[in-house]
Amino acid sequence: MLTRRTLLASALATPALAQSEAWPNRPVRIVIPYAPGGPNEPLNRILAEWLTRRFSQPFVIENRPGATGTVGAAAVARSAPDGYTLLYSANTGMVVAPLVLKNAGYDVLRDFTPIAVLQSYGLYLVVNPALPIHDMPSFIAYLKANPGKANYTSPGSGSGGHLASVMLLHHAGATAQHVSFGGTVAGLLAIVRGDAHFALDSVGNAQQLVDEGKLRGIALTGRERNPRVPTLPTLAEAGFPDFQTEIWMGLYGPPGLPAHILTPLSEAVEACLADTDVRARLTALTFTPGGGGPAALVARVRAETPRWAEAARIADIRE
């Protein structure tokens, strides 16, 4: 029989029990579905360090690459919604990959809990400096004067750089051949050698080669000019008002992440992205800090999916 004393003891015990089960009370894994390094590596570390300080528990980076980011993402989608396994992934893995792979293993809106948009950056159109290309008009003129003869490189078929190039060529009414050299750095060096003519890559990857005179920067695909190359226009400014493509990173949890975990985690990430020092560090690395919480991440996914789907259709990719 429940007595008044029993009920009182139970009520007094509840806060202690809740405190003992508070999240997080052990290390949290942030799965990065790519190999170590790359343009997004700095924010990986900044975010993990920030969350470690905020919650007084280690937030540990775990690189789990494979299949355009889908191996690590699918593993997180199958994990328990206890807040101890999170995913840090690009739109190329979360939005693009399910469009170009027959079985990516997940649906981004169904199989994950959105947490935050972390950062974004426009792609950088770079060309071999020996070509008679100095701006967008001369770029288009060159392609049209050499139909199907120019080639461009990307990290691989179905990658963000590949499909963004497909969209650009479609908007320009021009043609070129896609050739992958097995990675971002290898592709840029192929342009330097003259084995490829152009690429859409990140400012972080390409600008040193531009500074050395080995590549020439033409324009950016993002919403805003990049502070690292402030004189270069966006494609919208250069005559393509309907063309805007960015690579961005999002933070996700497994499906069904409960509110008592999602809310403080989302608030902590927002505080990180609003921090003056963090924003300055990201801007110096040519990134635009994100923000807006779960709703902003869902909005980005929904807004971009039709554009990437159209690019995949034009490229005729379904692997």
C-alpha atoms as a PDB file:
ATOM      1  CA  MET A   1       0.000   0.000   0.000  1.00  0.00           C
ATOM      2  CA  LEU A   2       1.260   3.476  -0.860  1.00  0.00           C
ATOM      3  CA  THR A   3       1.591   5.525   2.281  1.00  0.00           C
ATOM      4  CA  ARG A   4       2.120   9.245   2.629  1.00  0.00           C
ATOM      5  CA  ARG A   5       5.681   8.521   3.724  1.00  0.00           C
ATOM      6  CA  THR A   6       6.320   6.378   0.609  1.00  0.00           C
ATOM      7  CA  LEU A   7       4.985   9.042  -1.726  1.00  0.00           C
ATOM      8  CA  LEU A   8       7.056  11.718  -0.017  1.00  0.00           C
ATOM      9  CA  ALA A   9      10.209   9.608  -0.262  1.00  0.00           C
ATOM     10  CA  SER A  10       9.528   8.975  -3.940  1.00  0.00           C
ATOM     11  CA  ALA A  11       9.014  12.684  -4.637  1.00  0.00           C
ATOM     12  CA  LEU A  12      12.246  13.569  -2.855  1.00  0.00           C
ATOM     13  CA  ALA A  13      14.161  10.921  -4.798  1.00  0.00           C
ATOM     14  CA  THR A  14      12.951  12.074  -8.232  1.00  0.00           C
ATOM     15  CA  PRO A  15      15.237  15.143  -8.583  1.00  0.00           C
ATOM     16  CA  ALA A  16      18.274  13.063  -7.647  1.00  0.00           C
ATOM     17  CA  LEU A  17      17.321  10.412 -10.193  1.00  0.00           C
ATOM     18  CA  ALA A  18      16.738  13.011 -12.896  1.00  0.00           C
ATOM     19  CA  GLN A  19      20.085  14.651 -12.090  1.00  0.00           C
ATOM     20  CA  SER A  20      21.916  11.313 -12.308  1.00  0.00           C
ATOM     21  CA  GLU A  21      20.415  10.752 -15.754  1.00  0.00           C
ATOM     22  CA  ALA A  22      20.990  14.293 -16.996  1.00  0.00           C
ATOM     23  CA  TRP A  23      22.517  14.611 -20.463  1.00  0.00           C
ATOM     24  CA  PRO A  24      25.404  14.416 -21.030  1.00  0.00           C
ATOM     25  CA  ASN A  25      27.010  12.373 -18.281  1.00  0.00           C
ATOM     26  CA  ARG A  26      29.605  10.680 -20.495  1.00  0.00           C
ATOM     27  CA  PRO A  27      31.528  11.482 -23.726  1.00  0.00           C
ATOM     28  CA  VAL A  28      29.574  12.376 -26.873  1.00  0.00           C
ATOM     29  CA  ARG A  29      30.707  11.264 -30.340  1.00  0.00           C
ATOM     30  CA  ILE A  30      30.434  13.625 -33.303  1.00  0.00           C
ATOM     31  CA  VAL A  31      30.685  11.453 -36.407  1.00  0.00           C
ATOM     32  CA  ILE A  32      32.347  13.142 -39.395  1.00  0.00           C
ATOM     33  CA  PRO A  33      31.556  10.993 -42.463  1.00  0.00           C
ATOM     34  CA  TYR A  34      34.729  12.104 -44.266  1.00  0.00           C
ATOM     35  CA  ALA A  35      38.463  11.489 -43.956  1.00  0.00           C
ATOM     36  CA  PRO A  36      40.423  13.785 -41.627  1.00  0.00           C
ATOM     37  CA  GLY A  37      41.427  17.133 -43.095  1.00  0.00           C
ATOM     38  CA  GLY A  38      39.561  19.115 -45.742  1.00  0.00           C
ATOM     39  CA  PRO A  39      38.086  22.607 -45.633  1.00  0.00           C
ATOM     40  CA  ASN A  40      35.625  21.880 -42.824  1.00  0.00           C
ATOM     41  CA  GLU A  41      38.163  20.456 -40.372  1.00  0.00           C
ATOM     42  CA  PRO A  42      38.646  23.731 -38.414  1.00  0.00           C
ATOM     43  CA  LEU A  43      34.960  24.047 -37.486  1.00  0.00           C
ATOM     44  CA  ASN A  44      34.886  20.392 -36.430  1.00  0.00           C
ATOM     45  CA  ARG A  45      37.456  21.208 -33.778  1.00  0.00           C
ATOM     46  CA  ILE A  46      36.014  24.601 -32.820  1.00  0.00           C
ATOM     47  CA  LEU A  47      32.559  23.107 -32.253  1.00  0.00           C
ATOM     48  CA  ALA A  48      33.828  20.075 -30.328  1.00  0.00           C
ATOM     49  CA  GLU A  49      35.951  22.273 -28.046  1.00  0.00           C
ATOM     50  CA  TRP A  50      33.048  24.677 -27.455  1.00  0.00           C
ATOM     51  CA  LEU A  51      30.563  21.926 -26.567  1.00  0.00           C
ATOM     52  CA  THR A  52      33.119  20.234 -24.318  1.00  0.00           C
ATOM     53  CA  ARG A  53      33.462  23.431 -22.301  1.00  0.00           C
ATOM     54  CA  ARG A  54      29.716  24.098 -22.305  1.00  0.00           C
ATOM     55  CA  PHE A  55      28.648  20.668 -21.036  1.00  0.00           C
ATOM     56  CA  SER A  56      31.779  19.637 -19.085  1.00  0.00           C
ATOM     57  CA  GLN A  57      31.923  16.361 -20.984  1.00  0.00           C
ATOM     58  CA  PRO A  58      34.199  15.427 -23.909  1.00  0.00           C
ATOM     59  CA  PHE A  59      32.734  15.849 -27.396  1.00  0.00           C
ATOM     60  CA  VAL A  60      34.959  13.581 -29.463  1.00  0.00           C
ATOM     61  CA  ILE A  61      35.399  13.691 -33.239  1.00  0.00           C
ATOM     62  CA  GLU A  62      35.150  10.312 -34.986  1.00  0.00           C
ATOM     63  CA  ASN A  63      35.964  10.257 -38.705  1.00  0.00           C
ATOM     64  CA  ARG A  64      34.010   7.554 -40.508  1.00  0.00           C
ATOM     65  CA  PRO A  65      34.439   8.097 -44.265  1.00  0.00           C
ATOM     66  CA  GLY A  66      33.009   6.182 -47.190  1.00  0.00           C
ATOM     67  CA  ALA A  67      30.572   6.391 -50.098  1.00  0.00           C
ATOM     68  CA  THR A  68      30.289  10.196 -50.349  1.00  0.00           C
ATOM     69  CA  GLY A  69      29.630  10.524 -46.650  1.00  0.00           C
ATOM     70  CA  THR A  70      26.773   8.032 -46.553  1.00  0.00           C
ATOM     71  CA  VAL A  71      28.504   5.321 -44.482  1.00  0.00           C
ATOM     72  CA  GLY A  72      28.930   7.516 -41.412  1.00  0.00           C
ATOM     73  CA  ALA A  73      25.544   9.177 -41.856  1.00  0.00           C
ATOM     74  CA  ALA A  74      23.694   5.869 -42.126  1.00  0.00           C
ATOM     75  CA  ALA A  75      25.413   4.639 -38.950  1.00  0.00           C
ATOM     76  CA  VAL A  76      24.181   7.690 -37.018  1.00  0.00           C
ATOM     77  CA  ALA A  77      20.661   7.257 -38.418  1.00  0.00           C
ATOM     78  CA  ARG A  78      20.629   3.744 -36.910  1.00  0.00           C
ATOM     79  CA  SER A  79      22.021   4.780 -33.525  1.00  0.00           C
ATOM     80  CA  ALA A  80      20.053   5.249 -30.305  1.00  0.00           C
ATOM     81  CA  PRO A  81      18.454   8.701 -29.800  1.00  0.00           C
ATOM     82  CA  ASP A  82      20.252   9.207 -26.495  1.00  0.00           C
ATOM     83  CA  GLY A  83      22.338  12.237 -27.485  1.00  0.00           C
ATOM     84  CA  TYR A  84      25.660  10.403 -27.414  1.00  0.00           C
ATOM     85  CA  THR A  85      26.041  10.038 -31.181  1.00  0.00           C
ATOM     86  CA  LEU A  86      25.755  13.100 -33.422  1.00  0.00           C
ATOM     87  CA  LEU A  87      26.494  13.741 -37.093  1.00  0.00           C
ATOM     88  CA  TYR A  88      28.334  16.641 -38.681  1.00  0.00           C
ATOM     89  CA  SER A  89      27.793  16.425 -42.448  1.00  0.00           C
ATOM     90  CA  ALA A  90      27.634  18.516 -45.599  1.00  0.00           C
ATOM     91  CA  ASN A  91      24.643  19.056 -47.847  1.00  0.00           C
ATOM     92  CA  THR A  92      26.517  17.006 -50.436  1.00  0.00           C
ATOM     93  CA  GLY A  93      26.148  13.953 -48.201  1.00  0.00           C
ATOM     94  CA  MET A  94      22.710  14.674 -46.769  1.00  0.00           C
ATOM     95  CA  VAL A  95      20.845  16.216 -49.721  1.00  0.00           C
ATOM     96  CA  VAL A  96      22.828  15.314 -52.852  1.00  0.00           C
ATOM     97  CA  ALA A  97      23.907  11.734 -52.116  1.00  0.00           C
ATOM     98  CA  PRO A  98      20.345  10.366 -51.669  1.00  0.00           C
ATOM     99  CA  LEU A  99      19.500  11.894 -55.048  1.00  0.00           C
ATOM    100  CA  VAL A 100      22.365  10.282 -56.960  1.00  0.00           C
ATOM    101  CA  LEU A 101      22.745   6.953 -55.145  1.00  0.00           C
ATOM    102  CA  LYS A 102      20.191   4.197 -55.594  1.00  0.00           C
ATOM    103  CA  ASN A 103      20.400   3.371 -51.908  1.00  0.00           C
ATOM    104  CA  ALA A 104      22.053   5.967 -49.707  1.00  0.00           C
ATOM    105  CA  GLY A 105      20.495   4.257 -46.692  1.00  0.00           C
ATOM    106  CA  TYR A 106      18.536   7.218 -45.329  1.00  0.00           C
ATOM    107  CA  ASP A 107      16.238  10.147 -45.973  1.00  0.00           C
ATOM    108  CA  VAL A 108      17.552  13.336 -44.398  1.00  0.00           C
ATOM    109  CA  LEU A 109      14.185  14.646 -43.162  1.00  0.00           C
ATOM    110  CA  ARG A 110      12.856  11.283 -41.999  1.00  0.00           C
ATOM    111  CA  ASP A 111      15.899   9.590 -40.503  1.00  0.00           C
ATOM    112  CA  PHE A 112      17.606  12.385 -38.555  1.00  0.00           C
ATOM    113  CA  THR A 113      16.816  15.024 -35.960  1.00  0.00           C
ATOM    114  CA  PRO A 114      17.943  18.415 -37.332  1.00  0.00           C
ATOM    115  CA  ILE A 115      19.958  20.516 -34.876  1.00  0.00           C
ATOM    116  CA  ALA A 116      21.646  23.446 -36.661  1.00  0.00           C
ATOM    117  CA  VAL A 117      23.199  24.890 -39.806  1.00  0.00           C
ATOM    118  CA  LEU A 118      26.858  25.353 -38.874  1.00  0.00           C
ATOM    119  CA  GLN A 119      28.556  27.141 -41.746  1.00  0.00           C
ATOM    120  CA  SER A 120      28.447  27.652 -45.509  1.00  0.00           C
ATOM    121  CA  TYR A 121      30.680  28.735 -48.340  1.00  0.00           C
ATOM    122  CA  GLY A 122      30.252  29.463 -52.002  1.00  0.00           C
ATOM    123  CA  LEU A 123      32.248  27.546 -54.569  1.00  0.00           C
ATOM    124  CA  TYR A 124      35.088  29.253 -56.404  1.00  0.00           C
ATOM    125  CA  LEU A 125      35.339  29.123 -60.190  1.00  0.00           C
ATOM    126  CA  VAL A 126      39.033  28.773 -61.026  1.00  0.00           C
ATOM    127  CA  VAL A 127      40.707  28.285 -64.400  1.00  0.00           C
ATOM    128  CA  ASN A 128      44.138  27.637 -65.841  1.00  0.00           C
ATOM    129  CA  PRO A 129      45.758  31.096 -66.126  1.00  0.00           C
ATOM    130  CA  ALA A 130      47.077  30.336 -69.616  1.00  0.00           C
ATOM    131  CA  LEU A 131      43.509  30.390 -70.945  1.00  0.00           C
ATOM    132  CA  PRO A 132      42.041  33.621 -72.371  1.00  0.00           C
ATOM    133  CA  ILE A 133      39.552  33.742 -69.487  1.00  0.00           C
ATOM    134  CA  HIS A 134      39.440  36.681 -67.083  1.00  0.00           C
ATOM    135  CA  ASP A 135      35.744  37.015 -66.223  1.00  0.00           C
ATOM    136  CA  MET A 136      32.413  35.320 -66.798  1.00  0.00           C
ATOM    137  CA  PRO A 137      31.804  36.693 -70.326  1.00  0.00           C
ATOM    138  CA  SER A 138      35.180  35.423 -71.522  1.00  0.00           C
ATOM    139  CA  PHE A 139      34.617  32.109 -69.695  1.00  0.00           C
ATOM    140  CA  ILE A 140      31.327  31.548 -71.521  1.00  0.00           C
ATOM    141  CA  ALA A 141      32.820  32.736 -74.814  1.00  0.00           C
ATOM    142  CA  TYR A 142      35.679  30.248 -74.495  1.00  0.00           C
ATOM    143  CA  LEU A 143      33.362  27.329 -73.783  1.00  0.00           C
ATOM    144  CA  LYS A 144      31.084  28.198 -76.684  1.00  0.00           C
ATOM    145  CA  ALA A 145      34.047  28.605 -79.030  1.00  0.00           C
ATOM    146  CA  ASN A 146      35.266  25.133 -77.975  1.00  0.00           C
ATOM    147  CA  PRO A 147      32.053  23.128 -77.571  1.00  0.00           C
ATOM    148  CA  GLY A 148      32.635  19.916 -75.657  1.00  0.00           C
ATOM    149  CA  LYS A 149      36.423  20.317 -75.818  1.00  0.00           C
ATOM    150  CA  ALA A 150      37.028  21.950 -72.462  1.00  0.00           C
ATOM    151  CA  ASN A 151      36.981  19.762 -69.390  1.00  0.00           C
ATOM    152  CA  TYR A 152      36.395  20.412 -65.718  1.00  0.00           C
ATOM    153  CA  THR A 153      37.298  18.466 -62.628  1.00  0.00           C
ATOM    154  CA  SER A 154      35.639  17.694 -59.293  1.00  0.00           C
ATOM    155  CA  PRO A 155      36.197  15.301 -56.376  1.00  0.00           C
ATOM    156  CA  GLY A 156      33.999  12.759 -58.153  1.00  0.00           C
ATOM    157  CA  SER A 157      30.780  11.983 -59.982  1.00  0.00           C
ATOM    158  CA  GLY A 158      27.795  13.259 -58.017  1.00  0.00           C
ATOM    159  CA  SER A 159      29.895  15.501 -55.774  1.00  0.00           C
ATOM    160  CA  GLY A 160      28.897  19.063 -55.025  1.00  0.00           C
ATOM    161  CA  GLY A 161      31.576  20.417 -57.355  1.00  0.00           C
ATOM    162  CA  HIS A 162      30.422  18.154 -60.155  1.00  0.00           C
ATOM    163  CA  LEU A 163      26.719  18.962 -59.930  1.00  0.00           C
ATOM    164  CA  ALA A 164      27.346  22.670 -59.360  1.00  0.00           C
ATOM    165  CA  SER A 165      29.398  22.688 -62.579  1.00  0.00           C
ATOM    166  CA  VAL A 166      26.585  20.888 -64.378  1.00  0.00           C
ATOM    167  CA  MET A 167      24.139  23.562 -63.221  1.00  0.00           C
ATOM    168  CA  LEU A 168      26.489  26.373 -64.259  1.00  0.00           C
ATOM    169  CA  LEU A 169      26.973  24.934 -67.735  1.00  0.00           C
ATOM    170  CA  HIS A 170      23.224  24.477 -68.077  1.00  0.00           C
ATOM    171  CA  HIS A 171      22.567  28.104 -67.112  1.00  0.00           C
ATOM    172  CA  ALA A 172      25.298  29.273 -69.506  1.00  0.00           C
ATOM    173  CA  GLY A 173      24.070  27.162 -72.422  1.00  0.00           C
ATOM    174  CA  ALA A 174      27.556  25.685 -72.796  1.00  0.00           C
ATOM    175  CA  THR A 175      29.124  22.232 -72.712  1.00  0.00           C
ATOM    176  CA  ALA A 176      32.271  20.729 -71.213  1.00  0.00           C
ATOM    177  CA  GLN A 177      33.491  17.284 -70.210  1.00  0.00           C
ATOM    178  CA  HIS A 178      33.698  16.098 -66.601  1.00  0.00           C
ATOM    179  CA  VAL A 179      36.951  14.402 -65.587  1.00  0.00           C
ATOM    180  CA  SER A 180      37.688  13.350 -62.012  1.00  0.00           C
ATOM    181  CA  PHE A 181      41.298  13.075 -60.880  1.00  0.00           C
ATOM    182  CA  GLY A 182      40.517  11.323 -57.607  1.00  0.00           C
ATOM    183  CA  GLY A 183      40.218  14.223 -55.195  1.00  0.00           C
ATOM    184  CA  THR A 184      40.105  17.963 -54.712  1.00  0.00           C
ATOM    185  CA  VAL A 185      43.854  18.606 -54.547  1.00  0.00           C
ATOM    186  CA  ALA A 186      44.579  16.285 -57.472  1.00  0.00           C
ATOM    187  CA  GLY A 187      41.921  18.058 -59.542  1.00  0.00           C
ATOM    188  CA  LEU A 188      43.310  21.522 -58.858  1.00  0.00           C
ATOM    189  CA  LEU A 189      46.820  20.351 -59.719  1.00  0.00           C
ATOM    190  CA  ALA A 190      45.454  18.899 -62.963  1.00  0.00           C
ATOM    191  CA  ILE A 191      44.245  22.396 -63.876  1.00  0.00           C
ATOM    192  CA  VAL A 192      47.673  23.804 -63.011  1.00  0.00           C
ATOM    193  CA  ARG A 193      49.263  21.243 -65.386  1.00  0.00           C
ATOM    194  CA  GLY A 194      46.764  21.988 -68.115  1.00  0.00           C
ATOM    195  CA  ASP A 195      45.141  18.551 -67.981  1.00  0.00           C
ATOM    196  CA  ALA A 196      41.866  20.224 -66.991  1.00  0.00           C
ATOM    197  CA  HIS A 197      40.517  23.684 -67.747  1.00  0.00           C
ATOM    198  CA  PHE A 198      38.376  24.710 -64.771  1.00  0.00           C
ATOM    199  CA  ALA A 199      36.697  23.655 -61.533  1.00  0.00           C
ATOM    200  CA  LEU A 200      34.314  24.832 -58.842  1.00  0.00           C
ATOM    201  CA  ASP A 201      36.087  24.357 -55.523  1.00  0.00           C
ATOM    202  CA  SER A 202      36.415  26.141 -52.188  1.00  0.00           C
ATOM    203  CA  VAL A 203      38.375  29.345 -51.657  1.00  0.00           C
ATOM    204  CA  GLY A 204      40.201  27.588 -48.833  1.00  0.00           C
ATOM    205  CA  ASN A 205      41.458  24.878 -51.170  1.00  0.00           C
ATOM    206  CA  ALA A 206      42.235  27.022 -54.204  1.00  0.00           C
ATOM    207  CA  GLN A 207      43.337  30.475 -53.077  1.00  0.00           C
ATOM    208  CA  GLN A 208      46.971  29.635 -52.362  1.00  0.00           C
ATOM    209  CA  LEU A 209      47.364  28.402 -55.937  1.00  0.00           C
ATOM    210  CA  VAL A 210      45.651  31.590 -57.133  1.00  0.00           C
ATOM    211  CA  ASP A 211      48.025  33.688 -55.027  1.00  0.00           C
ATOM    212  CA  GLU A 212      50.960  31.827 -56.579  1.00  0.00           C
ATOM    213  CA  GLY A 213      49.673  32.560 -60.084  1.00  0.00           C
ATOM    214  CA  LYS A 214      49.029  28.878 -60.820  1.00  0.00           C
ATOM    215  CA  LEU A 215      45.244  29.318 -61.025  1.00  0.00           C
ATOM    216  CA  ARG A 216      43.027  32.290 -61.852  1.00  0.00           C
ATOM    217  CA  GLY A 217      39.892  33.049 -59.857  1.00  0.00           C
ATOM    218  CA  ILE A 218      36.833  34.155 -61.852  1.00  0.00           C
ATOM    219  CA  ALA A 219      33.702  34.234 -59.660  1.00  0.00           C
ATOM    220  CA  LEU A 220      31.934  32.694 -56.659  1.00  0.00           C
ATOM    221  CA  THR A 221      28.692  30.743 -56.460  1.00  0.00           C
ATOM    222  CA  GLY A 222      27.674  31.924 -52.970  1.00  0.00           C
ATOM    223  CA  ARG A 223      25.152  34.495 -51.811  1.00  0.00           C
ATOM    224  CA  GLU A 224      27.838  37.013 -50.850  1.00  0.00           C
ATOM    225  CA  ARG A 225      31.350  37.946 -51.888  1.00  0.00           C
ATOM    226  CA  ASN A 226      34.102  36.200 -49.989  1.00  0.00           C
ATOM    227  CA  PRO A 227      36.257  38.431 -47.744  1.00  0.00           C
ATOM    228  CA  ARG A 228      39.362  36.508 -48.802  1.00  0.00           C
ATOM    229  CA  VAL A 229      38.788  37.569 -52.441  1.00  0.00           C
ATOM    230  CA  PRO A 230      36.622  40.689 -52.100  1.00  0.00           C
ATOM    231  CA  THR A 231      37.139  41.914 -55.668  1.00  0.00           C
ATOM    232  CA  LEU A 232      35.645  38.804 -57.260  1.00  0.00           C
ATOM    233  CA  PRO A 233      31.905  38.918 -58.008  1.00  0.00           C
ATOM    234  CA  THR A 234      29.303  36.340 -57.189  1.00  0.00           C
ATOM    235  CA  LEU A 235      27.771  34.626 -60.193  1.00  0.00           C
ATOM    236  CA  ALA A 236      24.574  36.550 -59.482  1.00  0.00           C
ATOM    237  CA  GLU A 237      26.544  39.792 -59.878  1.00  0.00           C
ATOM    238  CA  ALA A 238      28.270  38.443 -62.987  1.00  0.00           C
ATOM    239  CA  GLY A 239      25.098  37.913 -64.998  1.00  0.00           C
ATOM    240  CA  PHE A 240      23.534  34.788 -63.507  1.00  0.00           C
ATOM    241  CA  PRO A 241      20.929  36.162 -61.062  1.00  0.00           C
ATOM    242  CA  ASP A 242      19.181  32.803 -60.682  1.00  0.00           C
ATOM    243  CA  PHE A 243      22.347  30.849 -59.942  1.00  0.00           C
ATOM    244  CA  GLN A 244      23.302  30.370 -56.310  1.00  0.00           C
ATOM    245  CA  THR A 245      24.940  27.274 -54.891  1.00  0.00           C
ATOM    246  CA  GLU A 246      26.666  26.785 -51.562  1.00  0.00           C
ATOM    247  CA  ILE A 247      28.240  23.955 -49.659  1.00  0.00           C
ATOM    248  CA  TRP A 248      27.101  23.974 -46.058  1.00  0.00           C
ATOM    249  CA  MET A 249      27.460  21.840 -42.988  1.00  0.00           C
ATOM    250  CA  GLY A 250      24.731  20.754 -40.604  1.00  0.00           C
ATOM    251  CA  LEU A 251      24.594  19.067 -37.214  1.00  0.00           C
ATOM    252  CA  TYR A 252      22.135  16.190 -36.831  1.00  0.00           C
ATOM    253  CA  GLY A 253      21.102  13.596 -34.286  1.00  0.00           C
ATOM    254  CA  PRO A 254      19.434  10.216 -34.770  1.00  0.00           C
ATOM    255  CA  PRO A 255      15.663  10.253 -35.340  1.00  0.00           C
ATOM    256  CA  GLY A 256      13.586  10.854 -32.223  1.00  0.00           C
ATOM    257  CA  LEU A 257      16.147  12.874 -30.264  1.00  0.00           C
ATOM    258  CA  PRO A 258      14.127  14.013 -27.213  1.00  0.00           C
ATOM    259  CA  ALA A 259      13.513  17.669 -26.409  1.00  0.00           C
ATOM    260  CA  HIS A 260      15.460  17.603 -23.131  1.00  0.00           C
ATOM    261  CA  ILE A 261      18.567  16.846 -25.227  1.00  0.00           C
ATOM    262  CA  LEU A 262      17.758  18.706 -28.435  1.00  0.00           C
ATOM    263  CA  THR A 263      16.904  22.025 -26.781  1.00  0.00           C
ATOM    264  CA  PRO A 264      20.081  22.571 -24.725  1.00  0.00           C
ATOM    265  CA  LEU A 265      22.240  21.183 -27.537  1.00  0.00           C
ATOM    266  CA  SER A 266      20.688  23.485 -30.136  1.00  0.00           C
ATOM    267  CA  GLU A 267      20.990  26.463 -27.777  1.00  0.00           C
ATOM    268  CA  ALA A 268      24.665  25.659 -27.155  1.00  0.00           C
ATOM    269  CA  VAL A 269      25.422  25.467 -30.872  1.00  0.00           C
ATOM    270  CA  GLU A 270      23.636  28.780 -31.441  1.00  0.00           C
ATOM    271  CA  ALA A 271      25.728  30.356 -28.691  1.00  0.00           C
ATOM    272  CA  CYS A 272      28.887  28.983 -30.282  1.00  0.00           C
ATOM    273  CA  LEU A 273      28.001  30.400 -33.711  1.00  0.00           C
ATOM    274  CA  ALA A 274      27.090  33.769 -32.178  1.00  0.00           C
ATOM    275  CA  ASP A 275      30.393  34.068 -30.318  1.00  0.00           C
ATOM    276  CA  THR A 276      32.445  36.983 -31.673  1.00  0.00           C
ATOM    277  CA  ASP A 277      35.725  35.048 -31.644  1.00  0.00           C
ATOM    278  CA  VAL A 278      34.232  31.990 -33.325  1.00  0.00           C
ATOM    279  CA  ARG A 279      32.637  34.116 -36.036  1.00  0.00           C
ATOM    280  CA  ALA A 280      35.918  35.919 -36.650  1.00  0.00           C
ATOM    281  CA  ARG A 281      37.786  32.621 -36.933  1.00  0.00           C
ATOM    282  CA  LEU A 282      35.243  31.188 -39.369  1.00  0.00           C
ATOM    283  CA  THR A 283      35.221  34.356 -41.475  1.00  0.00           C
ATOM    284  CA  ALA A 284      39.024  34.289 -41.638  1.00  0.00           C
ATOM    285  CA  LEU A 285      38.732  30.715 -42.932  1.00  0.00           C
ATOM    286  CA  THR A 286      36.365  31.976 -45.703  1.00  0.00           C
ATOM    287  CA  PHE A 287      33.224  30.484 -44.114  1.00  0.00           C
ATOM    288  CA  THR A 288      29.902  32.174 -43.375  1.00  0.00           C
ATOM    289  CA  PRO A 289      28.739  31.185 -39.864  1.00  0.00           C
ATOM    290  CA  GLY A 290      25.336  29.517 -39.750  1.00  0.00           C
ATOM    291  CA  GLY A 291      22.612  29.575 -37.129  1.00  0.00           C
ATOM    292  CA  GLY A 292      18.861  29.466 -36.844  1.00  0.00           C
ATOM    293  CA  GLY A 293      18.465  26.158 -35.066  1.00  0.00           C
ATOM    294  CA  PRO A 294      16.559  23.080 -36.295  1.00  0.00           C
ATOM    295  CA  ALA A 295      14.051  25.113 -38.332  1.00  0.00           C
ATOM    296  CA  ALA A 296      16.831  26.744 -40.383  1.00  0.00           C
ATOM    297  CA  LEU A 297      18.356  23.349 -41.172  1.00  0.00           C
ATOM    298  CA  VAL A 298      15.034  21.894 -42.314  1.00  0.00           C
ATOM    299  CA  ALA A 299      14.372  24.987 -44.441  1.00  0.00           C
ATOM    300  CA  ARG A 300      17.735  24.645 -46.182  1.00  0.00           C
ATOM    301  CA  VAL A 301      17.173  20.985 -46.969  1.00  0.00           C
ATOM    302  CA  ARG A 302      13.718  21.638 -48.398  1.00  0.00           C
ATOM    303  CA  ALA A 303      14.821  24.670 -50.420  1.00  0.00           C
ATOM    304  CA  GLU A 304      17.843  22.969 -51.965  1.00  0.00           C
ATOM    305  CA  THR A 305      16.515  19.522 -52.753  1.00  0.00           C
ATOM    306  CA  PRO A 306      14.716  20.541 -55.993  1.00  0.00           C
ATOM    307  CA  ARG A 307      17.814  22.348 -57.311  1.00  0.00           C
ATOM    308  CA  TRP A 308      20.158  19.446 -56.683  1.00  0.00           C
ATOM    309  CA  ALA A 309      17.577  16.998 -58.039  1.00  0.00           C
ATOM    310  CA  GLU A 310      17.448  18.993 -61.275  1.00  0.00           C
ATOM    311  CA  ALA A 311      21.251  18.979 -61.502  1.00  0.00           C
ATOM    312  CA  ALA A 312      21.329  15.216 -60.988  1.00  0.00           C
ATOM    313  CA  ARG A 313      18.690  14.816 -63.689  1.00  0.00           C
ATOM    314  CA  ILE A 314      20.663  16.950 -66.155  1.00  0.00           C
ATOM    315  CA  ALA A 315      23.856  15.037 -65.355  1.00  0.00           C
ATOM    316  CA  ASP A 316      21.937  11.752 -65.736  1.00  0.00           C
ATOM    317  CA  ILE A 317      23.420  10.324 -62.566  1.00  0.00           C
ATOM    318  CA  ARG A 318      21.947   7.462 -60.609  1.00  0.00           C
ATOM    319  CA  GLU A 319      24.584   5.168 -59.170  1.00  0.00           C
END
